[in-house]
Amino acid sequence: MHDVATLQKEAMDMLKKTSRTFYIPITFLEPKLKKAVASAYLCMRAIDEIEDHESLDPKDKQEILLSTSKLLLADFDKQAYAKLVEDYQDILPPVSLRLGDWLEICPTDLLETVKTYTSEMAEGMAKWVGKNWQVKTKEDLDEYTYYVAGLVGVMLSDLWKWNADIETDRELAIAYGRGLQAVNILRNKDEDSQRGVQFFPEGWTRSDMFEYAAGNLAQADEYIKSINRKSILLFCKLPLALAHKTLKALKNGKEKMTRSEVEQTVEEVQAEV
């Protein structure tokens, strides 16, 4: 058994291990909001690791994701989830195996929000596992990036509304997530191709995907203009600044930003806000 304080510490440790992009901005948030966003991030990371797992059979992935989606729509049963992933304990990462723990750190009045969006994401991921991640059209790309990232933007907007009565545009919130995901698609194109995954619509060049990413990031820039709470603005601006700079680095032939460039960006964003 874990007490809540121990779980919260373990959650932040897990965040630090699994995301350099979001760990730092999450620490900027006020305590209750920080717990909710940390819970949501880890829950979504838990299912993302299942979707992306190289060793899991696609049918097993779909079963786990769809069953998890249903569990999240009810009073989440940790024992039922443990049984669901029992046969995969040796291959799934701890962040996935401990999904129930991450829900426990979420403030009770925000738990349904986190569960609802994670459930929709799990269902969408299962759908794309079934399609073997073969994007054929821009509409396909929009749908995939909505499920794996745009949903995050919408959920965060719900949390901003709850915490600071901040009203944001839903489509711009989706674009915020999409833009970050499009940069990841560009960065991981060679790796994705090697495993038979195709996120570039048929006929699209690298230049087309750069345009798609830049267009969504431009909408993301508009999205953050409606945010007037410093801690939330810091949270939103840092991943966006990193995405803009990563896109620029990719255009210049680099694979990613250096650690020092990331640290410099953190300092720049903190100085701006």
C-alpha atoms as a PDB file:
ATOM      1  CA  MET A   1       0.000   0.000   0.000  1.00  0.00           C
ATOM      2  CA  HIS A   2       1.080   3.558  -0.679  1.00  0.00           C
ATOM      3  CA  ASP A   3       0.015   6.641   1.211  1.00  0.00           C
ATOM      4  CA  VAL A   4      -0.909   9.696  -0.847  1.00  0.00           C
ATOM      5  CA  ALA A   5       2.250  11.664   0.012  1.00  0.00           C
ATOM      6  CA  THR A   6       4.455   8.757  -1.090  1.00  0.00           C
ATOM      7  CA  LEU A   7       2.446   8.339  -4.293  1.00  0.00           C
ATOM      8  CA  GLN A   8       2.789  12.035  -5.089  1.00  0.00           C
ATOM      9  CA  LYS A   9       6.561  11.861  -4.679  1.00  0.00           C
ATOM     10  CA  GLU A  10       6.748   8.724  -6.804  1.00  0.00           C
ATOM     11  CA  ALA A  11       4.555  10.375  -9.438  1.00  0.00           C
ATOM     12  CA  MET A  12       6.892  13.355  -9.731  1.00  0.00           C
ATOM     13  CA  ASP A  13       9.891  11.013  -9.898  1.00  0.00           C
ATOM     14  CA  MET A  14       8.171   9.081 -12.686  1.00  0.00           C
ATOM     15  CA  LEU A  15       7.399  12.328 -14.514  1.00  0.00           C
ATOM     16  CA  LYS A  16      11.036  13.321 -14.372  1.00  0.00           C
ATOM     17  CA  LYS A  17      12.050   9.954 -15.847  1.00  0.00           C
ATOM     18  CA  THR A  18       9.472   9.923 -18.636  1.00  0.00           C
ATOM     19  CA  SER A  19       9.288  13.515 -19.916  1.00  0.00           C
ATOM     20  CA  ARG A  20      11.832  16.273 -20.077  1.00  0.00           C
ATOM     21  CA  THR A  21       9.281  18.417 -21.946  1.00  0.00           C
ATOM     22  CA  PHE A  22       6.540  18.388 -19.316  1.00  0.00           C
ATOM     23  CA  TYR A  23       8.233  17.753 -15.967  1.00  0.00           C
ATOM     24  CA  ILE A  24       9.607  21.279 -15.609  1.00  0.00           C
ATOM     25  CA  PRO A  25       6.414  23.150 -16.613  1.00  0.00           C
ATOM     26  CA  ILE A  26       4.295  20.952 -14.325  1.00  0.00           C
ATOM     27  CA  THR A  27       6.446  22.083 -11.390  1.00  0.00           C
ATOM     28  CA  PHE A  28       5.414  25.689 -12.156  1.00  0.00           C
ATOM     29  CA  LEU A  29       1.739  24.986 -11.388  1.00  0.00           C
ATOM     30  CA  GLU A  30      -0.088  25.611  -8.132  1.00  0.00           C
ATOM     31  CA  PRO A  31      -0.257  22.529  -5.856  1.00  0.00           C
ATOM     32  CA  LYS A  32      -3.753  21.206  -6.620  1.00  0.00           C
ATOM     33  CA  LEU A  33      -3.478  21.881 -10.333  1.00  0.00           C
ATOM     34  CA  LYS A  34       0.003  20.328 -10.355  1.00  0.00           C
ATOM     35  CA  LYS A  35      -1.424  17.096  -8.906  1.00  0.00           C
ATOM     36  CA  ALA A  36      -4.205  16.996 -11.501  1.00  0.00           C
ATOM     37  CA  VAL A  37      -1.912  17.649 -14.477  1.00  0.00           C
ATOM     38  CA  ALA A  38       0.700  15.198 -13.182  1.00  0.00           C
ATOM     39  CA  SER A  39      -2.008  12.551 -12.761  1.00  0.00           C
ATOM     40  CA  ALA A  40      -3.349  13.197 -16.262  1.00  0.00           C
ATOM     41  CA  TYR A  41       0.086  13.173 -17.879  1.00  0.00           C
ATOM     42  CA  LEU A  42       1.062   9.876 -16.243  1.00  0.00           C
ATOM     43  CA  CYS A  43      -2.273   8.219 -17.075  1.00  0.00           C
ATOM     44  CA  MET A  44      -1.932   9.246 -20.700  1.00  0.00           C
ATOM     45  CA  ARG A  45       1.714   8.217 -20.761  1.00  0.00           C
ATOM     46  CA  ALA A  46       0.652   4.843 -19.337  1.00  0.00           C
ATOM     47  CA  ILE A  47      -1.619   4.109 -22.295  1.00  0.00           C
ATOM     48  CA  ASP A  48       0.789   5.686 -24.783  1.00  0.00           C
ATOM     49  CA  GLU A  49       3.480   3.198 -23.747  1.00  0.00           C
ATOM     50  CA  ILE A  50       1.006   0.374 -24.409  1.00  0.00           C
ATOM     51  CA  GLU A  51       0.130   1.766 -27.858  1.00  0.00           C
ATOM     52  CA  ASP A  52       3.815   2.183 -28.801  1.00  0.00           C
ATOM     53  CA  HIS A  53       5.147  -1.051 -27.295  1.00  0.00           C
ATOM     54  CA  GLU A  54       7.293  -2.922 -29.806  1.00  0.00           C
ATOM     55  CA  SER A  55       6.790  -6.415 -28.354  1.00  0.00           C
ATOM     56  CA  LEU A  56       3.041  -6.450 -27.757  1.00  0.00           C
ATOM     57  CA  ASP A  57       0.834  -8.100 -30.362  1.00  0.00           C
ATOM     58  CA  PRO A  58      -1.556  -5.556 -31.950  1.00  0.00           C
ATOM     59  CA  LYS A  59      -4.611  -7.560 -30.874  1.00  0.00           C
ATOM     60  CA  ASP A  60      -3.348  -7.573 -27.282  1.00  0.00           C
ATOM     61  CA  LYS A  61      -2.759  -3.828 -27.485  1.00  0.00           C
ATOM     62  CA  GLN A  62      -6.305  -3.254 -28.676  1.00  0.00           C
ATOM     63  CA  GLU A  63      -7.773  -5.457 -25.960  1.00  0.00           C
ATOM     64  CA  ILE A  64      -5.803  -3.712 -23.209  1.00  0.00           C
ATOM     65  CA  LEU A  65      -6.578  -0.216 -24.521  1.00  0.00           C
ATOM     66  CA  LEU A  66     -10.303  -0.832 -25.060  1.00  0.00           C
ATOM     67  CA  SER A  67     -10.687  -2.583 -21.700  1.00  0.00           C
ATOM     68  CA  THR A  68      -8.796   0.253 -19.985  1.00  0.00           C
ATOM     69  CA  SER A  69     -11.056   2.776 -21.698  1.00  0.00           C
ATOM     70  CA  LYS A  70     -14.113   1.027 -20.241  1.00  0.00           C
ATOM     71  CA  LEU A  71     -12.570   0.798 -16.763  1.00  0.00           C
ATOM     72  CA  LEU A  72     -11.920   4.545 -16.822  1.00  0.00           C
ATOM     73  CA  LEU A  73     -15.586   5.309 -17.555  1.00  0.00           C
ATOM     74  CA  ALA A  74     -16.654   3.589 -14.334  1.00  0.00           C
ATOM     75  CA  ASP A  75     -15.300   3.666 -10.778  1.00  0.00           C
ATOM     76  CA  PHE A  76     -11.789   2.565 -11.728  1.00  0.00           C
ATOM     77  CA  ASP A  77     -11.120  -0.930 -10.388  1.00  0.00           C
ATOM     78  CA  LYS A  78      -7.396  -1.257  -9.673  1.00  0.00           C
ATOM     79  CA  GLN A  79      -7.650  -5.012  -9.225  1.00  0.00           C
ATOM     80  CA  ALA A  80      -9.427  -5.434 -12.556  1.00  0.00           C
ATOM     81  CA  TYR A  81      -6.705  -3.356 -14.241  1.00  0.00           C
ATOM     82  CA  ALA A  82      -3.970  -5.360 -12.515  1.00  0.00           C
ATOM     83  CA  LYS A  83      -5.583  -8.557 -13.846  1.00  0.00           C
ATOM     84  CA  LEU A  84      -5.832  -7.001 -17.320  1.00  0.00           C
ATOM     85  CA  VAL A  85      -2.073  -6.338 -17.499  1.00  0.00           C
ATOM     86  CA  GLU A  86      -1.028  -9.334 -15.405  1.00  0.00           C
ATOM     87  CA  ASP A  87       0.315 -11.340 -18.360  1.00  0.00           C
ATOM     88  CA  TYR A  88       2.408  -8.375 -19.527  1.00  0.00           C
ATOM     89  CA  GLN A  89       4.087  -7.407 -16.250  1.00  0.00           C
ATOM     90  CA  ASP A  90       7.495  -8.423 -17.513  1.00  0.00           C
ATOM     91  CA  ILE A  91       7.357  -6.254 -20.628  1.00  0.00           C
ATOM     92  CA  LEU A  92       5.211  -3.209 -19.820  1.00  0.00           C
ATOM     93  CA  PRO A  93       6.983  -0.274 -18.124  1.00  0.00           C
ATOM     94  CA  PRO A  94       6.099   0.724 -14.552  1.00  0.00           C
ATOM     95  CA  VAL A  95       4.302   3.866 -15.742  1.00  0.00           C
ATOM     96  CA  SER A  96       1.769   1.624 -17.513  1.00  0.00           C
ATOM     97  CA  LEU A  97       1.453  -0.989 -14.784  1.00  0.00           C
ATOM     98  CA  ARG A  98       0.733   1.705 -12.173  1.00  0.00           C
ATOM     99  CA  LEU A  99      -2.069   3.563 -13.947  1.00  0.00           C
ATOM    100  CA  GLY A 100      -4.331   3.065 -10.917  1.00  0.00           C
ATOM    101  CA  ASP A 101      -1.769   4.771  -8.675  1.00  0.00           C
ATOM    102  CA  TRP A 102      -1.643   7.820 -10.914  1.00  0.00           C
ATOM    103  CA  LEU A 103      -5.416   8.206 -10.643  1.00  0.00           C
ATOM    104  CA  GLU A 104      -5.120   8.191  -6.852  1.00  0.00           C
ATOM    105  CA  ILE A 105      -3.014  11.356  -6.786  1.00  0.00           C
ATOM    106  CA  CYS A 106      -5.642  13.312  -8.741  1.00  0.00           C
ATOM    107  CA  PRO A 107      -7.818  15.699  -6.687  1.00  0.00           C
ATOM    108  CA  THR A 108     -11.243  14.069  -6.355  1.00  0.00           C
ATOM    109  CA  ASP A 109     -13.161  16.934  -8.000  1.00  0.00           C
ATOM    110  CA  LEU A 110     -10.969  16.659 -11.118  1.00  0.00           C
ATOM    111  CA  LEU A 111     -10.769  12.871 -11.290  1.00  0.00           C
ATOM    112  CA  GLU A 112     -13.698  12.434 -13.693  1.00  0.00           C
ATOM    113  CA  THR A 113     -12.171  14.958 -16.096  1.00  0.00           C
ATOM    114  CA  VAL A 114      -8.868  13.078 -16.178  1.00  0.00           C
ATOM    115  CA  LYS A 115     -10.576   9.689 -16.504  1.00  0.00           C
ATOM    116  CA  THR A 116     -12.927  10.815 -19.281  1.00  0.00           C
ATOM    117  CA  TYR A 117     -10.184  12.230 -21.508  1.00  0.00           C
ATOM    118  CA  THR A 118      -7.817   9.314 -20.859  1.00  0.00           C
ATOM    119  CA  SER A 119     -10.639   6.920 -21.745  1.00  0.00           C
ATOM    120  CA  GLU A 120     -11.297   8.684 -25.049  1.00  0.00           C
ATOM    121  CA  MET A 121      -7.588   8.670 -25.826  1.00  0.00           C
ATOM    122  CA  ALA A 122      -7.284   4.935 -25.108  1.00  0.00           C
ATOM    123  CA  GLU A 123     -10.224   4.190 -27.409  1.00  0.00           C
ATOM    124  CA  GLY A 124      -8.746   6.359 -30.167  1.00  0.00           C
ATOM    125  CA  MET A 125      -5.349   4.716 -29.802  1.00  0.00           C
ATOM    126  CA  ALA A 126      -6.957   1.262 -30.080  1.00  0.00           C
ATOM    127  CA  LYS A 127      -8.598   2.378 -33.319  1.00  0.00           C
ATOM    128  CA  TRP A 128      -5.253   3.406 -34.795  1.00  0.00           C
ATOM    129  CA  VAL A 129      -3.546   0.232 -33.628  1.00  0.00           C
ATOM    130  CA  GLY A 130      -6.186  -1.529 -35.729  1.00  0.00           C
ATOM    131  CA  LYS A 131      -5.225   0.653 -38.707  1.00  0.00           C
ATOM    132  CA  ASN A 132      -1.536  -0.118 -38.109  1.00  0.00           C
ATOM    133  CA  TRP A 133      -0.944   3.648 -37.958  1.00  0.00           C
ATOM    134  CA  GLN A 134      -1.278   4.010 -41.727  1.00  0.00           C
ATOM    135  CA  VAL A 135      -2.225   7.647 -42.323  1.00  0.00           C
ATOM    136  CA  LYS A 136      -3.508   8.118 -45.864  1.00  0.00           C
ATOM    137  CA  THR A 137      -5.093  11.607 -45.845  1.00  0.00           C
ATOM    138  CA  LYS A 138      -4.827  14.895 -43.987  1.00  0.00           C
ATOM    139  CA  GLU A 139      -8.141  13.977 -42.322  1.00  0.00           C
ATOM    140  CA  ASP A 140      -6.488  10.802 -41.029  1.00  0.00           C
ATOM    141  CA  LEU A 141      -3.580  12.831 -39.709  1.00  0.00           C
ATOM    142  CA  ASP A 142      -5.941  15.282 -38.023  1.00  0.00           C
ATOM    143  CA  GLU A 143      -7.833  12.405 -36.415  1.00  0.00           C
ATOM    144  CA  TYR A 144      -4.728  10.626 -35.165  1.00  0.00           C
ATOM    145  CA  THR A 145      -3.125  13.784 -33.790  1.00  0.00           C
ATOM    146  CA  TYR A 146      -6.439  14.704 -32.131  1.00  0.00           C
ATOM    147  CA  TYR A 147      -6.559  11.421 -30.209  1.00  0.00           C
ATOM    148  CA  VAL A 148      -2.939  11.367 -29.091  1.00  0.00           C
ATOM    149  CA  ALA A 149      -2.345  15.087 -28.483  1.00  0.00           C
ATOM    150  CA  GLY A 150      -5.245  17.403 -29.318  1.00  0.00           C
ATOM    151  CA  LEU A 151      -7.260  15.761 -26.553  1.00  0.00           C
ATOM    152  CA  VAL A 152      -4.554  16.800 -24.107  1.00  0.00           C
ATOM    153  CA  GLY A 153      -5.041  20.429 -25.123  1.00  0.00           C
ATOM    154  CA  VAL A 154      -8.808  20.231 -24.585  1.00  0.00           C
ATOM    155  CA  MET A 155      -8.420  18.540 -21.200  1.00  0.00           C
ATOM    156  CA  LEU A 156      -5.911  21.144 -20.055  1.00  0.00           C
ATOM    157  CA  SER A 157      -8.326  23.883 -21.083  1.00  0.00           C
ATOM    158  CA  ASP A 158     -10.977  22.305 -18.842  1.00  0.00           C
ATOM    159  CA  LEU A 159      -8.471  22.380 -15.978  1.00  0.00           C
ATOM    160  CA  TRP A 160      -7.578  26.036 -16.664  1.00  0.00           C
ATOM    161  CA  LYS A 161     -11.292  26.882 -16.571  1.00  0.00           C
ATOM    162  CA  TRP A 162     -11.698  25.101 -13.239  1.00  0.00           C
ATOM    163  CA  ASN A 163      -8.577  26.609 -11.669  1.00  0.00           C
ATOM    164  CA  ALA A 164      -8.562  30.177 -12.959  1.00  0.00           C
ATOM    165  CA  ASP A 165     -11.835  30.660 -14.870  1.00  0.00           C
ATOM    166  CA  ILE A 166      -9.806  30.964 -18.082  1.00  0.00           C
ATOM    167  CA  GLU A 167     -11.853  30.635 -21.273  1.00  0.00           C
ATOM    168  CA  THR A 168      -9.967  29.211 -24.252  1.00  0.00           C
ATOM    169  CA  ASP A 169     -10.935  28.306 -27.805  1.00  0.00           C
ATOM    170  CA  ARG A 170     -11.382  24.520 -28.219  1.00  0.00           C
ATOM    171  CA  GLU A 171      -9.989  24.383 -31.763  1.00  0.00           C
ATOM    172  CA  LEU A 172      -6.921  26.373 -30.737  1.00  0.00           C
ATOM    173  CA  ALA A 173      -6.466  24.021 -27.772  1.00  0.00           C
ATOM    174  CA  ILE A 174      -6.528  21.062 -30.152  1.00  0.00           C
ATOM    175  CA  ALA A 175      -4.015  22.821 -32.424  1.00  0.00           C
ATOM    176  CA  TYR A 176      -1.729  23.310 -29.415  1.00  0.00           C
ATOM    177  CA  GLY A 177      -1.533  19.548 -28.936  1.00  0.00           C
ATOM    178  CA  ARG A 178      -1.418  18.831 -32.661  1.00  0.00           C
ATOM    179  CA  GLY A 179       1.490  21.181 -33.202  1.00  0.00           C
ATOM    180  CA  LEU A 180       3.607  19.481 -30.554  1.00  0.00           C
ATOM    181  CA  GLN A 181       2.737  16.061 -31.999  1.00  0.00           C
ATOM    182  CA  ALA A 182       3.524  17.116 -35.574  1.00  0.00           C
ATOM    183  CA  VAL A 183       7.009  18.146 -34.467  1.00  0.00           C
ATOM    184  CA  ASN A 184       7.438  14.705 -32.893  1.00  0.00           C
ATOM    185  CA  ILE A 185       6.306  13.061 -36.142  1.00  0.00           C
ATOM    186  CA  LEU A 186       8.953  14.991 -38.069  1.00  0.00           C
ATOM    187  CA  ARG A 187      11.618  14.188 -35.518  1.00  0.00           C
ATOM    188  CA  ASN A 188      10.803  10.462 -35.467  1.00  0.00           C
ATOM    189  CA  LYS A 189      10.089   9.923 -39.184  1.00  0.00           C
ATOM    190  CA  ASP A 190      13.024   7.593 -39.896  1.00  0.00           C
ATOM    191  CA  GLU A 191      12.421   5.539 -36.758  1.00  0.00           C
ATOM    192  CA  ASP A 192       8.693   5.273 -37.560  1.00  0.00           C
ATOM    193  CA  SER A 193       9.427   4.176 -41.122  1.00  0.00           C
ATOM    194  CA  GLN A 194      11.715   1.415 -39.865  1.00  0.00           C
ATOM    195  CA  ARG A 195       8.853  -0.065 -37.820  1.00  0.00           C
ATOM    196  CA  GLY A 196       6.368   0.230 -40.677  1.00  0.00           C
ATOM    197  CA  VAL A 197       4.440   3.218 -39.342  1.00  0.00           C
ATOM    198  CA  GLN A 198       3.330   5.938 -41.754  1.00  0.00           C
ATOM    199  CA  PHE A 199       2.153   9.277 -40.360  1.00  0.00           C
ATOM    200  CA  PHE A 200       2.776  11.282 -43.543  1.00  0.00           C
ATOM    201  CA  PRO A 201      -0.389  11.402 -45.704  1.00  0.00           C
ATOM    202  CA  GLU A 202       0.003   9.905 -49.173  1.00  0.00           C
ATOM    203  CA  GLY A 203       1.851  12.298 -51.478  1.00  0.00           C
ATOM    204  CA  TRP A 204       3.088  14.505 -48.643  1.00  0.00           C
ATOM    205  CA  THR A 205       6.691  15.601 -48.593  1.00  0.00           C
ATOM    206  CA  ARG A 206       8.731  16.588 -45.567  1.00  0.00           C
ATOM    207  CA  SER A 207       7.988  20.184 -46.532  1.00  0.00           C
ATOM    208  CA  ASP A 208       4.230  19.510 -46.302  1.00  0.00           C
ATOM    209  CA  MET A 209       4.606  18.162 -42.763  1.00  0.00           C
ATOM    210  CA  PHE A 210       6.725  21.163 -41.781  1.00  0.00           C
ATOM    211  CA  GLU A 211       3.892  23.375 -43.052  1.00  0.00           C
ATOM    212  CA  TYR A 212       1.321  21.345 -41.085  1.00  0.00           C
ATOM    213  CA  ALA A 213       3.399  21.618 -37.902  1.00  0.00           C
ATOM    214  CA  ALA A 214       4.056  25.344 -38.354  1.00  0.00           C
ATOM    215  CA  GLY A 215       0.376  26.049 -39.021  1.00  0.00           C
ATOM    216  CA  ASN A 216      -0.708  24.300 -35.839  1.00  0.00           C
ATOM    217  CA  LEU A 217       2.033  25.945 -33.789  1.00  0.00           C
ATOM    218  CA  ALA A 218       0.862  29.339 -35.076  1.00  0.00           C
ATOM    219  CA  GLN A 219      -2.628  28.520 -33.749  1.00  0.00           C
ATOM    220  CA  ALA A 220      -1.022  27.400 -30.495  1.00  0.00           C
ATOM    221  CA  ASP A 221       0.588  30.849 -30.250  1.00  0.00           C
ATOM    222  CA  GLU A 222      -2.929  32.302 -30.495  1.00  0.00           C
ATOM    223  CA  TYR A 223      -4.196  29.835 -27.880  1.00  0.00           C
ATOM    224  CA  ILE A 224      -1.847  31.020 -25.164  1.00  0.00           C
ATOM    225  CA  LYS A 225      -2.824  34.673 -25.693  1.00  0.00           C
ATOM    226  CA  SER A 226      -6.037  33.981 -23.774  1.00  0.00           C
ATOM    227  CA  ILE A 227      -4.152  32.720 -20.702  1.00  0.00           C
ATOM    228  CA  ASN A 228      -3.560  35.364 -18.046  1.00  0.00           C
ATOM    229  CA  ARG A 229      -2.427  33.294 -15.052  1.00  0.00           C
ATOM    230  CA  LYS A 230       1.377  33.360 -14.816  1.00  0.00           C
ATOM    231  CA  SER A 231       1.858  29.766 -13.618  1.00  0.00           C
ATOM    232  CA  ILE A 232      -0.431  28.376 -16.338  1.00  0.00           C
ATOM    233  CA  LEU A 233       1.148  30.591 -18.995  1.00  0.00           C
ATOM    234  CA  LEU A 234       4.585  29.309 -18.006  1.00  0.00           C
ATOM    235  CA  PHE A 235       3.296  25.743 -18.261  1.00  0.00           C
ATOM    236  CA  CYS A 236       1.915  26.305 -21.762  1.00  0.00           C
ATOM    237  CA  LYS A 237       4.719  28.464 -23.155  1.00  0.00           C
ATOM    238  CA  LEU A 238       7.643  26.178 -22.384  1.00  0.00           C
ATOM    239  CA  PRO A 239       6.588  23.094 -24.433  1.00  0.00           C
ATOM    240  CA  LEU A 240       5.483  25.455 -27.208  1.00  0.00           C
ATOM    241  CA  ALA A 241       8.823  27.292 -27.232  1.00  0.00           C
ATOM    242  CA  LEU A 242      10.650  23.954 -27.298  1.00  0.00           C
ATOM    243  CA  ALA A 243       8.467  22.810 -30.213  1.00  0.00           C
ATOM    244  CA  HIS A 244       9.187  25.976 -32.204  1.00  0.00           C
ATOM    245  CA  LYS A 245      12.922  25.609 -31.605  1.00  0.00           C
ATOM    246  CA  THR A 246      12.914  21.883 -32.362  1.00  0.00           C
ATOM    247  CA  LEU A 247      11.128  22.566 -35.650  1.00  0.00           C
ATOM    248  CA  LYS A 248      13.781  25.135 -36.511  1.00  0.00           C
ATOM    249  CA  ALA A 249      16.559  22.707 -35.573  1.00  0.00           C
ATOM    250  CA  LEU A 250      15.019  19.998 -37.774  1.00  0.00           C
ATOM    251  CA  LYS A 251      14.828  22.426 -40.705  1.00  0.00           C
ATOM    252  CA  ASN A 252      18.516  23.122 -40.187  1.00  0.00           C
ATOM    253  CA  GLY A 253      19.340  19.421 -40.341  1.00  0.00           C
ATOM    254  CA  LYS A 254      19.740  18.728 -36.616  1.00  0.00           C
ATOM    255  CA  GLU A 255      18.048  15.716 -34.985  1.00  0.00           C
ATOM    256  CA  LYS A 256      16.999  17.576 -31.829  1.00  0.00           C
ATOM    257  CA  MET A 257      17.887  20.408 -29.487  1.00  0.00           C
ATOM    258  CA  THR A 258      20.875  20.055 -27.186  1.00  0.00           C
ATOM    259  CA  ARG A 259      20.433  19.921 -23.419  1.00  0.00           C
ATOM    260  CA  SER A 260      22.010  23.365 -23.096  1.00  0.00           C
ATOM    261  CA  GLU A 261      19.559  24.750 -25.667  1.00  0.00           C
ATOM    262  CA  VAL A 262      16.665  23.290 -23.674  1.00  0.00           C
ATOM    263  CA  GLU A 263      17.999  24.850 -20.464  1.00  0.00           C
ATOM    264  CA  GLN A 264      18.451  28.195 -22.226  1.00  0.00           C
ATOM    265  CA  THR A 265      14.860  28.030 -23.492  1.00  0.00           C
ATOM    266  CA  VAL A 266      13.562  27.408 -19.952  1.00  0.00           C
ATOM    267  CA  GLU A 267      15.427  30.518 -18.761  1.00  0.00           C
ATOM    268  CA  GLU A 268      14.126  32.594 -21.685  1.00  0.00           C
ATOM    269  CA  VAL A 269      10.495  31.600 -21.100  1.00  0.00           C
ATOM    270  CA  GLN A 270      10.729  32.292 -17.366  1.00  0.00           C
ATOM    271  CA  ALA A 271      12.189  35.710 -18.107  1.00  0.00           C
ATOM    272  CA  GLU A 272       9.417  36.525 -20.616  1.00  0.00           C
ATOM    273  CA  VAL A 273       6.426  35.655 -18.411  1.00  0.00           C
END
